[in-house]
N, C-alpha and C. Protein backbone atom coordinates (compact mmCIF):
# COMPACT_ATOMS: atom_id res chain seq x y z
N VAL A 1 -11.88 -22.56 -9.20
CA VAL A 1 -11.27 -21.22 -8.51
C VAL A 1 -9.65 -21.50 -7.53
N LYS A 2 -8.77 -20.75 -8.27
CA LYS A 2 -7.59 -21.00 -8.25
C LYS A 2 -7.51 -19.59 -7.15
N ALA A 3 -6.99 -19.72 -5.25
CA ALA A 3 -6.66 -18.73 -4.66
C ALA A 3 -4.78 -18.61 -4.63
N GLU A 4 -4.49 -17.54 -4.46
CA GLU A 4 -2.89 -18.20 -4.34
C GLU A 4 -2.77 -17.29 -2.74
N ASP A 5 -1.44 -18.11 -2.42
CA ASP A 5 -1.24 -17.30 -1.20
C ASP A 5 -1.43 -17.57 -0.13
N VAL A 6 -2.80 -19.02 -0.02
CA VAL A 6 -3.56 -18.98 1.55
C VAL A 6 -2.57 -19.63 2.31
N ARG A 7 -3.32 -18.79 3.66
CA ARG A 7 -2.60 -19.02 4.52
C ARG A 7 -3.54 -19.48 5.90
N VAL A 8 -3.08 -20.37 6.95
CA VAL A 8 -4.40 -20.21 7.67
C VAL A 8 -3.94 -20.29 8.87
N TYR A 9 -4.63 -19.31 9.43
CA TYR A 9 -4.16 -18.63 11.31
C TYR A 9 -5.13 -19.43 12.40
N ASP A 10 -4.75 -20.05 13.09
CA ASP A 10 -5.33 -19.85 14.71
C ASP A 10 -5.15 -18.98 15.54
N VAL A 11 -6.16 -18.02 15.19
CA VAL A 11 -6.32 -16.72 16.55
C VAL A 11 -6.71 -16.69 17.50
N SER A 12 -7.16 -17.69 17.68
CA SER A 12 -8.23 -18.13 19.32
C SER A 12 -7.24 -18.01 20.48
N ARG A 13 -6.14 -17.65 20.61
CA ARG A 13 -5.57 -16.84 21.76
C ARG A 13 -5.46 -15.49 21.93
N ILE A 14 -5.84 -14.98 20.55
CA ILE A 14 -5.15 -13.43 20.35
C ILE A 14 -6.61 -12.75 20.49
N ILE A 15 -7.90 -13.74 19.53
CA ILE A 15 -9.33 -12.92 20.00
C ILE A 15 -10.42 -13.43 20.13
N TYR A 16 -11.89 -13.01 20.84
CA TYR A 16 -12.41 -13.90 21.38
C TYR A 16 -13.10 -14.56 20.42
N TRP A 17 -13.89 -13.45 19.04
CA TRP A 17 -14.91 -13.48 18.75
C TRP A 17 -14.42 -14.90 17.23
N THR A 18 -13.52 -14.97 16.85
CA THR A 18 -13.39 -16.49 15.76
C THR A 18 -12.26 -16.95 16.11
N SER A 19 -12.41 -18.66 15.90
CA SER A 19 -10.82 -19.39 16.34
C SER A 19 -9.66 -19.58 15.09
N ILE A 20 -10.18 -18.83 13.57
CA ILE A 20 -9.30 -19.44 12.50
C ILE A 20 -9.80 -18.47 11.18
N PHE A 21 -8.73 -18.29 11.19
CA PHE A 21 -8.33 -17.06 9.75
C PHE A 21 -7.73 -17.96 8.68
N VAL A 22 -8.95 -17.54 7.10
CA VAL A 22 -8.16 -17.92 6.31
C VAL A 22 -7.69 -16.87 5.20
N VAL A 23 -6.92 -16.57 5.04
CA VAL A 23 -6.07 -15.64 3.92
C VAL A 23 -5.55 -16.14 3.03
N ALA A 24 -6.17 -15.38 2.16
CA ALA A 24 -5.54 -15.79 0.27
C ALA A 24 -6.04 -14.37 -0.05
N SER A 25 -5.14 -14.96 -1.79
CA SER A 25 -5.26 -13.28 -2.47
C SER A 25 -6.05 -13.89 -4.13
N GLY A 26 -6.73 -13.19 -4.48
CA GLY A 26 -7.04 -13.30 -6.25
C GLY A 26 -6.21 -11.66 -6.66
N PHE A 27 -6.47 -12.25 -8.14
CA PHE A 27 -6.15 -11.14 -9.07
C PHE A 27 -6.93 -10.25 -9.82
N SER A 28 -8.16 -10.53 -9.20
CA SER A 28 -9.11 -10.14 -10.56
C SER A 28 -10.46 -9.73 -9.44
N GLN A 29 -10.98 -8.79 -9.36
CA GLN A 29 -12.44 -8.69 -9.10
C GLN A 29 -13.78 -9.97 -9.11
N PRO A 30 -13.15 -10.12 -10.71
CA PRO A 30 -13.90 -11.32 -10.69
C PRO A 30 -13.80 -12.93 -10.48
N GLN A 31 -12.38 -12.70 -10.21
CA GLN A 31 -11.51 -13.84 -9.60
C GLN A 31 -12.06 -13.77 -8.18
N LEU A 32 -11.73 -12.83 -7.26
CA LEU A 32 -12.27 -12.64 -6.26
C LEU A 32 -14.03 -13.12 -5.74
N ASP A 33 -14.84 -12.66 -6.45
CA ASP A 33 -16.07 -12.99 -6.59
C ASP A 33 -16.47 -14.59 -6.67
N ALA A 34 -15.72 -15.21 -7.66
CA ALA A 34 -16.05 -16.26 -7.38
C ALA A 34 -14.93 -17.42 -6.65
N MET A 35 -13.85 -16.70 -6.07
CA MET A 35 -13.60 -17.51 -4.94
C MET A 35 -14.51 -17.62 -3.52
N VAL A 36 -15.27 -16.40 -3.39
CA VAL A 36 -15.86 -16.34 -2.27
C VAL A 36 -17.37 -17.03 -2.38
N ASP A 37 -17.82 -17.36 -3.58
CA ASP A 37 -18.99 -18.29 -4.31
C ASP A 37 -18.73 -19.47 -4.07
N ARG A 38 -17.31 -20.20 -4.45
CA ARG A 38 -16.86 -21.22 -3.95
C ARG A 38 -17.27 -21.92 -2.48
N CYS A 39 -16.61 -20.58 -1.99
CA CYS A 39 -16.51 -20.67 -0.59
C CYS A 39 -17.83 -20.94 0.44
N GLN A 40 -18.73 -19.98 -0.22
CA GLN A 40 -20.23 -19.95 -0.05
C GLN A 40 -20.80 -21.16 -0.30
N LYS A 41 -20.50 -21.81 -1.45
CA LYS A 41 -21.28 -22.94 -1.76
C LYS A 41 -21.05 -24.15 -1.46
N CYS A 42 -19.75 -24.17 -0.91
CA CYS A 42 -18.88 -25.53 -0.28
C CYS A 42 -19.90 -25.06 1.27
N ALA A 43 -19.72 -24.44 1.71
CA ALA A 43 -20.46 -24.07 3.02
C ALA A 43 -21.75 -24.62 3.16
N THR A 44 -22.59 -23.84 2.18
CA THR A 44 -23.89 -24.15 2.20
C THR A 44 -23.99 -25.74 1.70
N ALA A 45 -23.41 -26.45 1.15
CA ALA A 45 -23.54 -27.71 0.65
C ALA A 45 -23.39 -28.67 2.19
N ARG A 46 -22.53 -27.76 2.37
CA ARG A 46 -22.54 -28.82 4.43
C ARG A 46 -22.94 -28.30 5.34
N GLY A 47 -24.27 -27.53 5.19
CA GLY A 47 -25.04 -26.71 6.44
C GLY A 47 -24.36 -26.16 7.17
N ARG A 48 -23.84 -24.97 6.55
CA ARG A 48 -23.01 -24.01 7.08
C ARG A 48 -24.25 -22.60 6.74
N GLU A 49 -23.91 -21.48 7.53
CA GLU A 49 -24.41 -20.18 7.02
C GLU A 49 -23.31 -19.50 7.28
N THR A 50 -23.53 -17.95 6.27
CA THR A 50 -22.62 -17.35 5.99
C THR A 50 -23.04 -16.06 5.64
N ALA A 51 -22.34 -14.99 6.82
CA ALA A 51 -22.48 -13.61 6.33
C ALA A 51 -21.06 -13.48 5.10
N ARG A 52 -21.09 -11.94 4.31
CA ARG A 52 -20.14 -12.28 3.14
C ARG A 52 -20.22 -10.56 2.70
N THR A 53 -19.38 -10.08 2.38
CA THR A 53 -19.15 -8.03 1.77
C THR A 53 -19.87 -8.65 0.67
N PRO A 54 -20.99 -7.20 0.52
CA PRO A 54 -21.30 -7.40 -0.90
C PRO A 54 -20.51 -7.87 -2.64
N GLU A 55 -20.80 -8.48 -3.40
CA GLU A 55 -19.88 -9.55 -4.37
C GLU A 55 -19.74 -7.72 -5.20
N GLY A 56 -19.03 -8.00 -5.65
CA GLY A 56 -18.32 -7.08 -6.40
C GLY A 56 -17.96 -5.49 -6.69
N ARG A 57 -18.04 -5.64 -5.13
CA ARG A 57 -17.67 -3.80 -3.97
C ARG A 57 -16.33 -3.72 -3.73
N SER A 58 -15.59 -4.35 -3.13
CA SER A 58 -14.73 -4.29 -3.01
C SER A 58 -13.39 -5.42 -2.89
N GLN A 59 -11.94 -4.97 -3.05
CA GLN A 59 -10.94 -5.68 -3.50
C GLN A 59 -10.60 -6.42 -2.03
N TRP A 60 -11.53 -6.54 -0.62
CA TRP A 60 -10.86 -7.01 0.46
C TRP A 60 -12.44 -7.94 0.44
N GLN A 61 -12.65 -8.59 0.37
CA GLN A 61 -13.88 -9.62 0.76
C GLN A 61 -13.71 -10.57 1.72
N LEU A 62 -14.79 -10.79 2.40
CA LEU A 62 -14.67 -11.25 3.90
C LEU A 62 -16.42 -12.76 3.88
N LEU A 63 -15.94 -13.72 4.44
CA LEU A 63 -16.48 -14.58 4.87
C LEU A 63 -16.35 -14.98 6.18
N ASP A 64 -18.00 -14.92 6.68
CA ASP A 64 -18.16 -15.12 8.07
C ASP A 64 -18.85 -16.37 8.40
N PHE A 65 -17.97 -16.97 9.14
CA PHE A 65 -18.26 -18.25 9.27
C PHE A 65 -18.67 -18.78 10.72
N GLY A 66 -18.40 -17.34 11.47
CA GLY A 66 -18.67 -17.62 13.11
C GLY A 66 -17.42 -18.28 13.72
N ASP A 67 -16.98 -19.48 13.57
CA ASP A 67 -15.48 -19.84 14.28
C ASP A 67 -14.54 -19.94 13.14
N VAL A 68 -14.81 -19.85 11.66
CA VAL A 68 -13.59 -19.60 10.82
C VAL A 68 -14.50 -18.14 10.11
N VAL A 69 -13.43 -16.89 9.97
CA VAL A 69 -13.67 -15.97 9.02
C VAL A 69 -12.19 -16.09 7.63
N VAL A 70 -13.17 -15.65 6.76
CA VAL A 70 -12.47 -16.02 5.48
C VAL A 70 -11.95 -15.02 5.17
N HIS A 71 -10.51 -13.97 4.80
CA HIS A 71 -10.13 -13.23 4.00
C HIS A 71 -9.64 -13.36 2.67
N VAL A 72 -10.22 -12.56 1.59
CA VAL A 72 -9.69 -12.85 0.53
C VAL A 72 -9.66 -11.35 -0.19
N PHE A 73 -8.40 -11.21 -0.72
CA PHE A 73 -7.76 -9.63 -1.04
C PHE A 73 -6.79 -10.23 -2.20
N THR A 74 -6.82 -9.06 -3.70
CA THR A 74 -5.90 -8.26 -4.56
C THR A 74 -4.77 -8.21 -3.77
N PRO A 75 -3.76 -8.68 -3.71
CA PRO A 75 -2.56 -8.75 -3.28
C PRO A 75 -1.97 -6.81 -2.39
N SER A 76 -2.44 -6.26 -3.77
CA SER A 76 -2.35 -4.77 -3.38
C SER A 76 -3.26 -4.23 -2.08
N GLU A 77 -4.14 -4.65 -1.80
CA GLU A 77 -5.35 -4.59 -0.41
C GLU A 77 -4.40 -5.80 0.44
N ARG A 78 -4.11 -6.87 -0.02
CA ARG A 78 -3.81 -7.78 1.24
C ARG A 78 -2.35 -7.20 1.87
N ASP A 79 -1.46 -5.72 0.71
CA ASP A 79 -0.12 -5.48 1.22
C ASP A 79 -0.60 -4.43 2.22
N TYR A 80 -1.08 -3.19 1.55
CA TYR A 80 -1.86 -2.21 2.46
C TYR A 80 -2.60 -2.59 3.83
N TYR A 81 -3.35 -3.54 3.85
CA TYR A 81 -3.99 -3.92 5.05
C TYR A 81 -3.15 -4.47 6.10
N GLY A 82 -2.20 -5.27 5.16
CA GLY A 82 -1.27 -6.16 6.57
C GLY A 82 -2.13 -6.85 7.52
N ILE A 83 -3.07 -7.72 7.21
CA ILE A 83 -3.99 -8.02 8.73
C ILE A 83 -2.84 -9.44 9.18
N GLU A 84 -1.79 -10.08 7.62
CA GLU A 84 -1.09 -11.03 8.91
C GLU A 84 -0.26 -10.26 9.39
N GLN A 85 0.17 -9.26 9.29
CA GLN A 85 1.23 -8.75 10.54
C GLN A 85 0.27 -7.88 11.88
N PHE A 86 -0.87 -7.49 11.68
CA PHE A 86 -1.78 -6.61 12.59
C PHE A 86 -2.17 -8.03 13.56
N TYR A 87 -2.39 -9.45 13.37
CA TYR A 87 -2.53 -10.43 13.91
C TYR A 87 -1.10 -11.41 13.98
N GLU A 88 -0.33 -11.12 14.09
CA GLU A 88 1.20 -11.34 14.12
C GLU A 88 1.61 -12.93 15.17
N GLY A 89 0.38 -12.41 16.12
CA GLY A 89 0.26 -13.55 17.34
C GLY A 89 -0.27 -14.41 17.31
N ALA A 90 -0.53 -14.45 15.68
CA ALA A 90 -1.48 -16.29 15.01
C ALA A 90 -0.20 -17.07 15.27
N THR A 91 -0.84 -18.66 15.04
CA THR A 91 -0.19 -18.97 15.12
C THR A 91 -0.67 -20.25 13.42
N GLU A 92 0.23 -20.13 12.91
CA GLU A 92 0.12 -20.35 11.49
C GLU A 92 -0.33 -22.19 11.12
N LEU A 93 -1.13 -22.56 10.25
CA LEU A 93 -1.51 -23.53 10.24
C LEU A 93 -0.59 -24.78 9.45
N PRO A 94 -0.21 -25.50 9.40
CA PRO A 94 -0.01 -26.11 8.15
C PRO A 94 -0.95 -26.92 7.20
N VAL A 95 -1.47 -26.35 6.13
CA VAL A 95 -2.05 -26.56 5.18
C VAL A 95 -1.77 -27.36 3.78
N GLU A 96 -2.43 -29.06 3.72
CA GLU A 96 -1.71 -29.17 2.27
C GLU A 96 -3.31 -29.52 1.21
N PHE A 97 -3.13 -28.93 0.06
CA PHE A 97 -4.14 -29.00 -0.53
C PHE A 97 -4.32 -29.91 -1.98
N GLY A 98 -4.99 -30.93 -2.05
CA GLY A 98 -5.21 -32.02 -2.45
C GLY A 98 -6.40 -31.31 -4.11
N GLN A 99 -6.77 -32.24 -4.59
CA GLN A 99 -8.07 -32.05 -5.33
C GLN A 99 -8.96 -31.68 -5.07
N PRO A 100 -9.54 -30.59 -6.11
CA PRO A 100 -10.96 -29.94 -5.25
C PRO A 100 -12.14 -30.96 -5.95
N ARG A 101 -13.26 -30.51 -4.70
CA ARG A 101 -14.19 -31.85 -4.56
C ARG A 101 -15.13 -30.79 -4.84
C-alpha cells in the first residue's frame, strides 16, 4: 500500500499527549483504509495496541499509538484541515523509506 507525501514530525515540544505525528495522503477511501490496516497490522505484529477511526467513514483517518499518532488524509482533507500548519512549531524529521517488510 503506497502512501503519498509522508511527513514525520516531532511534536513533543508543543503538545503533551504524544511525541510524533506521521502525516500521509491516500487518493481514495479504499486506499486510506488499506494504509491504516497495514499500519495497524504492523503494529500488532510488534505488540503495539492502537485506537483508530472507524473504517470507511472518514477521509481523515487516525491511528493513536500513544507516543505516535498517524494521520491519513485524502489530499483535499489534508489541505482543508491544515494540520501541518496548525502544528507549525513541530520539527520535521528526515525519513528514508526502503523496501516494505
